[in-house]
Amino acid sequence: MSDLRNAAEQALEALEGGGDSWRLIGPAIDALRAALKQPERTLTDEIIADLWHQNGGFHHHFARAVERYLKGEK
């Protein structure tokens, strides 16, 4: 995720340096800023335990729950 964050920060810097093109891509820059302000989700022992118990110990359900958690869907 940090590679994606770094790429977004670099893209934002490049877009802001574009002069008049900023007006045309202002909404894209605002969306990038909003995405960068969101905290990065990390797994702690407590979160892993909660997800495991919520999914009844079924490894395939647990894996999907971890994926949804990291994407911010749940």
PDB file of N, CA and C in Angstrom:
ATOM      1  N   MET A   1       0.816  -1.193   0.000  1.00  0.00           N
ATOM      2  CA  MET A   1       0.000   0.000   0.000  1.00  0.00           C
ATOM      3  C   MET A   1       0.860   1.257   0.000  1.00  0.00           C
ATOM      4  N   SER A   2       1.992   1.215   0.658  1.00  0.00           N
ATOM      5  CA  SER A   2       2.819   2.414   0.715  1.00  0.00           C
ATOM      6  C   SER A   2       3.373   2.765  -0.667  1.00  0.00           C
ATOM      7  N   ASP A   3       3.612   1.762  -1.527  1.00  0.00           N
ATOM      8  CA  ASP A   3       4.059   2.055  -2.895  1.00  0.00           C
ATOM      9  C   ASP A   3       2.974   2.805  -3.657  1.00  0.00           C
ATOM     10  N   LEU A   4       1.729   2.382  -3.467  1.00  0.00           N
ATOM     11  CA  LEU A   4       0.609   3.064  -4.098  1.00  0.00           C
ATOM     12  C   LEU A   4       0.479   4.483  -3.567  1.00  0.00           C
ATOM     13  N   ARG A   5       0.653   4.640  -2.274  1.00  0.00           N
ATOM     14  CA  ARG A   5       0.577   5.968  -1.658  1.00  0.00           C
ATOM     15  C   ARG A   5       1.677   6.878  -2.203  1.00  0.00           C
ATOM     16  N   ASN A   6       2.901   6.356  -2.311  1.00  0.00           N
ATOM     17  CA  ASN A   6       4.010   7.135  -2.862  1.00  0.00           C
ATOM     18  C   ASN A   6       3.737   7.535  -4.307  1.00  0.00           C
ATOM     19  N   ALA A   7       3.202   6.611  -5.082  1.00  0.00           N
ATOM     20  CA  ALA A   7       2.891   6.915  -6.480  1.00  0.00           C
ATOM     21  C   ALA A   7       1.819   7.993  -6.569  1.00  0.00           C
ATOM     22  N   ALA A   8       0.823   7.918  -5.697  1.00  0.00           N
ATOM     23  CA  ALA A   8      -0.234   8.932  -5.698  1.00  0.00           C
ATOM     24  C   ALA A   8       0.324  10.299  -5.317  1.00  0.00           C
ATOM     25  N   GLU A   9       1.222  10.331  -4.337  1.00  0.00           N
ATOM     26  CA  GLU A   9       1.831  11.602  -3.931  1.00  0.00           C
ATOM     27  C   GLU A   9       2.659  12.194  -5.069  1.00  0.00           C
ATOM     28  N   GLN A  10       3.406  11.370  -5.781  1.00  0.00           N
ATOM     29  CA  GLN A  10       4.202  11.845  -6.903  1.00  0.00           C
ATOM     30  C   GLN A  10       3.314  12.344  -8.030  1.00  0.00           C
ATOM     31  N   ALA A  11       2.216  11.631  -8.297  1.00  0.00           N
ATOM     32  CA  ALA A  11       1.284  12.059  -9.340  1.00  0.00           C
ATOM     33  C   ALA A  11       0.643  13.383  -8.972  1.00  0.00           C
ATOM     34  N   LEU A  12       0.294  13.533  -7.718  1.00  0.00           N
ATOM     35  CA  LEU A  12      -0.308  14.779  -7.250  1.00  0.00           C
ATOM     36  C   LEU A  12       0.653  15.949  -7.437  1.00  0.00           C
ATOM     37  N   GLU A  13       1.914  15.756  -7.089  1.00  0.00           N
ATOM     38  CA  GLU A  13       2.918  16.813  -7.275  1.00  0.00           C
ATOM     39  C   GLU A  13       3.069  17.170  -8.751  1.00  0.00           C
ATOM     40  N   ALA A  14       3.084  16.166  -9.614  1.00  0.00           N
ATOM     41  CA  ALA A  14       3.220  16.411 -11.050  1.00  0.00           C
ATOM     42  C   ALA A  14       2.010  17.158 -11.596  1.00  0.00           C
ATOM     43  N   LEU A  15       0.824  16.773 -11.139  1.00  0.00           N
ATOM     44  CA  LEU A  15      -0.393  17.429 -11.611  1.00  0.00           C
ATOM     45  C   LEU A  15      -0.462  18.880 -11.158  1.00  0.00           C
ATOM     46  N   GLU A  16      -0.025  19.140  -9.937  1.00  0.00           N
ATOM     47  CA  GLU A  16      -0.089  20.500  -9.419  1.00  0.00           C
ATOM     48  C   GLU A  16       0.895  21.424 -10.122  1.00  0.00           C
ATOM     49  N   GLY A  17       1.932  20.892 -10.663  1.00  0.00           N
ATOM     50  CA  GLY A  17       2.929  21.708 -11.352  1.00  0.00           C
ATOM     51  C   GLY A  17       2.557  22.027 -12.790  1.00  0.00           C
ATOM     52  N   GLY A  18       1.362  21.647 -13.211  1.00  0.00           N
ATOM     53  CA  GLY A  18       0.966  21.780 -14.606  1.00  0.00           C
ATOM     54  C   GLY A  18       0.440  23.133 -15.038  1.00  0.00           C
ATOM     55  N   GLY A  19       0.379  24.148 -14.202  1.00  0.00           N
ATOM     56  CA  GLY A  19      -0.098  25.478 -14.596  1.00  0.00           C
ATOM     57  C   GLY A  19      -1.585  25.513 -14.865  1.00  0.00           C
ATOM     58  N   ASP A  20      -1.981  25.883 -16.091  1.00  0.00           N
ATOM     59  CA  ASP A  20      -3.392  26.023 -16.450  1.00  0.00           C
ATOM     60  C   ASP A  20      -4.141  24.699 -16.461  1.00  0.00           C
ATOM     61  N   SER A  21      -3.431  23.606 -16.652  1.00  0.00           N
ATOM     62  CA  SER A  21      -4.113  22.307 -16.691  1.00  0.00           C
ATOM     63  C   SER A  21      -4.725  21.953 -15.350  1.00  0.00           C
ATOM     64  N   TRP A  22      -4.308  22.633 -14.290  1.00  0.00           N
ATOM     65  CA  TRP A  22      -4.846  22.353 -12.962  1.00  0.00           C
ATOM     66  C   TRP A  22      -6.358  22.547 -12.936  1.00  0.00           C
ATOM     67  N   ARG A  23      -6.835  23.575 -13.628  1.00  0.00           N
ATOM     68  CA  ARG A  23      -8.279  23.835 -13.646  1.00  0.00           C
ATOM     69  C   ARG A  23      -9.044  22.680 -14.272  1.00  0.00           C
ATOM     70  N   LEU A  24      -8.451  22.065 -15.273  1.00  0.00           N
ATOM     71  CA  LEU A  24      -9.118  20.970 -15.968  1.00  0.00           C
ATOM     72  C   LEU A  24      -9.123  19.685 -15.153  1.00  0.00           C
ATOM     73  N   ILE A  25      -8.098  19.500 -14.330  1.00  0.00           N
ATOM     74  CA  ILE A  25      -7.990  18.247 -13.580  1.00  0.00           C
ATOM     75  C   ILE A  25      -8.147  18.459 -12.080  1.00  0.00           C
ATOM     76  N   GLY A  26      -8.723  19.575 -11.700  1.00  0.00           N
ATOM     77  CA  GLY A  26      -8.940  19.881 -10.288  1.00  0.00           C
ATOM     78  C   GLY A  26      -9.677  18.790  -9.533  1.00  0.00           C
ATOM     79  N   PRO A  27     -10.786  18.254 -10.082  1.00  0.00           N
ATOM     80  CA  PRO A  27     -11.495  17.188  -9.369  1.00  0.00           C
ATOM     81  C   PRO A  27     -10.633  15.950  -9.139  1.00  0.00           C
ATOM     82  N   ALA A  28      -9.757  15.616 -10.097  1.00  0.00           N
ATOM     83  CA  ALA A  28      -8.874  14.460  -9.923  1.00  0.00           C
ATOM     84  C   ALA A  28      -7.885  14.710  -8.787  1.00  0.00           C
ATOM     85  N   ILE A  29      -7.377  15.922  -8.710  1.00  0.00           N
ATOM     86  CA  ILE A  29      -6.448  16.269  -7.633  1.00  0.00           C
ATOM     87  C   ILE A  29      -7.145  16.199  -6.285  1.00  0.00           C
ATOM     88  N   ASP A  30      -8.386  16.698  -6.221  1.00  0.00           N
ATOM     89  CA  ASP A  30      -9.140  16.643  -4.974  1.00  0.00           C
ATOM     90  C   ASP A  30      -9.382  15.200  -4.535  1.00  0.00           C
ATOM     91  N   ALA A  31      -9.677  14.330  -5.497  1.00  0.00           N
ATOM     92  CA  ALA A  31      -9.885  12.918  -5.173  1.00  0.00           C
ATOM     93  C   ALA A  31      -8.603  12.283  -4.649  1.00  0.00           C
ATOM     94  N   LEU A  32      -7.465  12.618  -5.265  1.00  0.00           N
ATOM     95  CA  LEU A  32      -6.179  12.093  -4.792  1.00  0.00           C
ATOM     96  C   LEU A  32      -5.883  12.579  -3.378  1.00  0.00           C
ATOM     97  N   ARG A  33      -6.145  13.846  -3.119  1.00  0.00           N
ATOM     98  CA  ARG A  33      -5.926  14.384  -1.774  1.00  0.00           C
ATOM     99  C   ARG A  33      -6.773  13.653  -0.748  1.00  0.00           C
ATOM    100  N   ALA A  34      -8.042  13.421  -1.075  1.00  0.00           N
ATOM    101  CA  ALA A  34      -8.939  12.725  -0.153  1.00  0.00           C
ATOM    102  C   ALA A  34      -8.449  11.299   0.113  1.00  0.00           C
ATOM    103  N   ALA A  35      -7.971  10.627  -0.938  1.00  0.00           N
ATOM    104  CA  ALA A  35      -7.473   9.263  -0.769  1.00  0.00           C
ATOM    105  C   ALA A  35      -6.230   9.239   0.105  1.00  0.00           C
ATOM    106  N   LEU A  36      -5.373  10.236  -0.029  1.00  0.00           N
ATOM    107  CA  LEU A  36      -4.140  10.273   0.751  1.00  0.00           C
ATOM    108  C   LEU A  36      -4.389  10.615   2.211  1.00  0.00           C
ATOM    109  N   LYS A  37      -5.487  11.286   2.507  1.00  0.00           N
ATOM    110  CA  LYS A  37      -5.795  11.651   3.888  1.00  0.00           C
ATOM    111  C   LYS A  37      -6.331  10.477   4.687  1.00  0.00           C
ATOM    112  N   GLN A  38      -6.829   9.447   3.994  1.00  0.00           N
ATOM    113  CA  GLN A  38      -7.363   8.289   4.695  1.00  0.00           C
ATOM    114  C   GLN A  38      -6.212   7.497   5.303  1.00  0.00           C
ATOM    115  N   PRO A  39      -6.371   7.102   6.558  1.00  0.00           N
ATOM    116  CA  PRO A  39      -5.293   6.338   7.193  1.00  0.00           C
ATOM    117  C   PRO A  39      -5.144   4.966   6.547  1.00  0.00           C
ATOM    118  N   GLU A  40      -3.919   4.510   6.498  1.00  0.00           N
ATOM    119  CA  GLU A  40      -3.639   3.190   5.967  1.00  0.00           C
ATOM    120  C   GLU A  40      -4.129   2.152   6.968  1.00  0.00           C
ATOM    121  N   ARG A  41      -4.839   1.147   6.511  1.00  0.00           N
ATOM    122  CA  ARG A  41      -5.357   0.119   7.412  1.00  0.00           C
ATOM    123  C   ARG A  41      -4.293  -0.942   7.642  1.00  0.00           C
ATOM    124  N   THR A  42      -4.090  -1.301   8.890  1.00  0.00           N
ATOM    125  CA  THR A  42      -3.124  -2.342   9.225  1.00  0.00           C
ATOM    126  C   THR A  42      -3.814  -3.391  10.081  1.00  0.00           C
ATOM    127  N   LEU A  43      -3.240  -4.571  10.073  1.00  0.00           N
ATOM    128  CA  LEU A  43      -3.782  -5.670  10.869  1.00  0.00           C
ATOM    129  C   LEU A  43      -3.045  -5.765  12.192  1.00  0.00           C
ATOM    130  N   THR A  44      -3.794  -5.765  13.268  1.00  0.00           N
ATOM    131  CA  THR A  44      -3.216  -6.010  14.586  1.00  0.00           C
ATOM    132  C   THR A  44      -3.663  -7.398  15.024  1.00  0.00           C
ATOM    133  N   ASP A  45      -3.070  -7.902  16.080  1.00  0.00           N
ATOM    134  CA  ASP A  45      -3.464  -9.214  16.597  1.00  0.00           C
ATOM    135  C   ASP A  45      -4.946  -9.240  16.950  1.00  0.00           C
ATOM    136  N   GLU A  46      -5.443  -8.141  17.512  1.00  0.00           N
ATOM    137  CA  GLU A  46      -6.848  -8.070  17.918  1.00  0.00           C
ATOM    138  C   GLU A  46      -7.781  -8.120  16.707  1.00  0.00           C
ATOM    139  N   ILE A  47      -7.413  -7.403  15.660  1.00  0.00           N
ATOM    140  CA  ILE A  47      -8.241  -7.391  14.458  1.00  0.00           C
ATOM    141  C   ILE A  47      -8.241  -8.763  13.802  1.00  0.00           C
ATOM    142  N   ILE A  48      -7.089  -9.387  13.737  1.00  0.00           N
ATOM    143  CA  ILE A  48      -6.995 -10.731  13.159  1.00  0.00           C
ATOM    144  C   ILE A  48      -7.858 -11.702  13.951  1.00  0.00           C
ATOM    145  N   ALA A  49      -7.779 -11.639  15.268  1.00  0.00           N
ATOM    146  CA  ALA A  49      -8.584 -12.529  16.104  1.00  0.00           C
ATOM    147  C   ALA A  49     -10.072 -12.273  15.890  1.00  0.00           C
ATOM    148  N   ASP A  50     -10.471 -11.017  15.844  1.00  0.00           N
ATOM    149  CA  ASP A  50     -11.885 -10.682  15.622  1.00  0.00           C
ATOM    150  C   ASP A  50     -12.373 -11.216  14.280  1.00  0.00           C
ATOM    151  N   LEU A  51     -11.588 -11.010  13.243  1.00  0.00           N
ATOM    152  CA  LEU A  51     -11.988 -11.491  11.923  1.00  0.00           C
ATOM    153  C   LEU A  51     -12.068 -13.009  11.883  1.00  0.00           C
ATOM    154  N   TRP A  52     -11.145 -13.680  12.546  1.00  0.00           N
ATOM    155  CA  TRP A  52     -11.150 -15.148  12.587  1.00  0.00           C
ATOM    156  C   TRP A  52     -12.412 -15.655  13.276  1.00  0.00           C
ATOM    157  N   HIS A  53     -12.737 -15.074  14.428  1.00  0.00           N
ATOM    158  CA  HIS A  53     -13.908 -15.525  15.182  1.00  0.00           C
ATOM    159  C   HIS A  53     -15.215 -15.144  14.490  1.00  0.00           C
ATOM    160  N   GLN A  54     -15.242 -14.015  13.839  1.00  0.00           N
ATOM    161  CA  GLN A  54     -16.445 -13.602  13.113  1.00  0.00           C
ATOM    162  C   GLN A  54     -16.760 -14.542  11.959  1.00  0.00           C
ATOM    163  N   ASN A  55     -15.748 -15.201  11.442  1.00  0.00           N
ATOM    164  CA  ASN A  55     -15.926 -16.071  10.282  1.00  0.00           C
ATOM    165  C   ASN A  55     -15.895 -17.549  10.637  1.00  0.00           C
ATOM    166  N   GLY A  56     -16.066 -17.854  11.900  1.00  0.00           N
ATOM    167  CA  GLY A  56     -16.221 -19.234  12.342  1.00  0.00           C
ATOM    168  C   GLY A  56     -15.012 -20.121  12.127  1.00  0.00           C
ATOM    169  N   GLY A  57     -13.844 -19.545  11.934  1.00  0.00           N
ATOM    170  CA  GLY A  57     -12.643 -20.344  11.758  1.00  0.00           C
ATOM    171  C   GLY A  57     -12.495 -20.943  10.371  1.00  0.00           C
ATOM    172  N   PHE A  58     -13.345 -20.563   9.446  1.00  0.00           N
ATOM    173  CA  PHE A  58     -13.222 -21.063   8.073  1.00  0.00           C
ATOM    174  C   PHE A  58     -12.185 -20.216   7.342  1.00  0.00           C
ATOM    175  N   HIS A  59     -11.092 -20.855   6.939  1.00  0.00           N
ATOM    176  CA  HIS A  59      -9.972 -20.092   6.392  1.00  0.00           C
ATOM    177  C   HIS A  59     -10.329 -19.301   5.139  1.00  0.00           C
ATOM    178  N   HIS A  60     -11.201 -19.823   4.282  1.00  0.00           N
ATOM    179  CA  HIS A  60     -11.533 -19.091   3.063  1.00  0.00           C
ATOM    180  C   HIS A  60     -12.394 -17.866   3.370  1.00  0.00           C
ATOM    181  N   HIS A  61     -13.296 -17.961   4.353  1.00  0.00           N
ATOM    182  CA  HIS A  61     -14.091 -16.799   4.752  1.00  0.00           C
ATOM    183  C   HIS A  61     -13.198 -15.769   5.451  1.00  0.00           C
ATOM    184  N   PHE A  62     -12.278 -16.274   6.255  1.00  0.00           N
ATOM    185  CA  PHE A  62     -11.351 -15.397   6.963  1.00  0.00           C
ATOM    186  C   PHE A  62     -10.488 -14.618   5.972  1.00  0.00           C
ATOM    187  N   ALA A  63      -9.987 -15.292   4.955  1.00  0.00           N
ATOM    188  CA  ALA A  63      -9.146 -14.622   3.949  1.00  0.00           C
ATOM    189  C   ALA A  63      -9.918 -13.515   3.238  1.00  0.00           C
ATOM    190  N   ARG A  64     -11.172 -13.777   2.918  1.00  0.00           N
ATOM    191  CA  ARG A  64     -11.999 -12.751   2.261  1.00  0.00           C
ATOM    192  C   ARG A  64     -12.255 -11.585   3.212  1.00  0.00           C
ATOM    193  N   ALA A  65     -12.465 -11.888   4.490  1.00  0.00           N
ATOM    194  CA  ALA A  65     -12.712 -10.838   5.480  1.00  0.00           C
ATOM    195  C   ALA A  65     -11.480  -9.945   5.639  1.00  0.00           C
ATOM    196  N   VAL A  66     -10.305 -10.551   5.641  1.00  0.00           N
ATOM    197  CA  VAL A  66      -9.064  -9.775   5.731  1.00  0.00           C
ATOM    198  C   VAL A  66      -8.937  -8.866   4.509  1.00  0.00           C
ATOM    199  N   GLU A  67      -9.221  -9.407   3.340  1.00  0.00           N
ATOM    200  CA  GLU A  67      -9.137  -8.614   2.111  1.00  0.00           C
ATOM    201  C   GLU A  67     -10.114  -7.431   2.162  1.00  0.00           C
ATOM    202  N   ARG A  68     -11.340  -7.683   2.585  1.00  0.00           N
ATOM    203  CA  ARG A  68     -12.336  -6.594   2.689  1.00  0.00           C
ATOM    204  C   ARG A  68     -11.892  -5.555   3.710  1.00  0.00           C
ATOM    205  N   TYR A  69     -11.339  -6.001   4.830  1.00  0.00           N
ATOM    206  CA  TYR A  69     -10.887  -5.071   5.875  1.00  0.00           C
ATOM    207  C   TYR A  69      -9.794  -4.159   5.342  1.00  0.00           C
ATOM    208  N   LEU A  70      -8.817  -4.733   4.670  1.00  0.00           N
ATOM    209  CA  LEU A  70      -7.699  -3.941   4.167  1.00  0.00           C
ATOM    210  C   LEU A  70      -8.133  -2.968   3.071  1.00  0.00           C
ATOM    211  N   LYS A  71      -9.156  -3.321   2.320  1.00  0.00           N
ATOM    212  CA  LYS A  71      -9.677  -2.424   1.282  1.00  0.00           C
ATOM    213  C   LYS A  71     -10.577  -1.349   1.888  1.00  0.00           C
ATOM    214  N   GLY A  72     -10.935  -1.506   3.166  1.00  0.00           N
ATOM    215  CA  GLY A  72     -11.806  -0.533   3.811  1.00  0.00           C
ATOM    216  C   GLY A  72     -13.276  -0.779   3.561  1.00  0.00           C
ATOM    217  N   GLU A  73     -13.619  -1.960   3.088  1.00  0.00           N
ATOM    218  CA  GLU A  73     -15.013  -2.262   2.791  1.00  0.00           C
ATOM    219  C   GLU A  73     -15.804  -2.612   4.033  1.00  0.00           C
ATOM    220  N   LYS A  74     -15.127  -3.040   5.085  1.00  0.00           N
ATOM    221  CA  LYS A  74     -15.823  -3.397   6.328  1.00  0.00           C
ATOM    222  C   LYS A  74     -15.057  -2.913   7.496  1.00  0.00           C
TER     223      LYS A  74
END
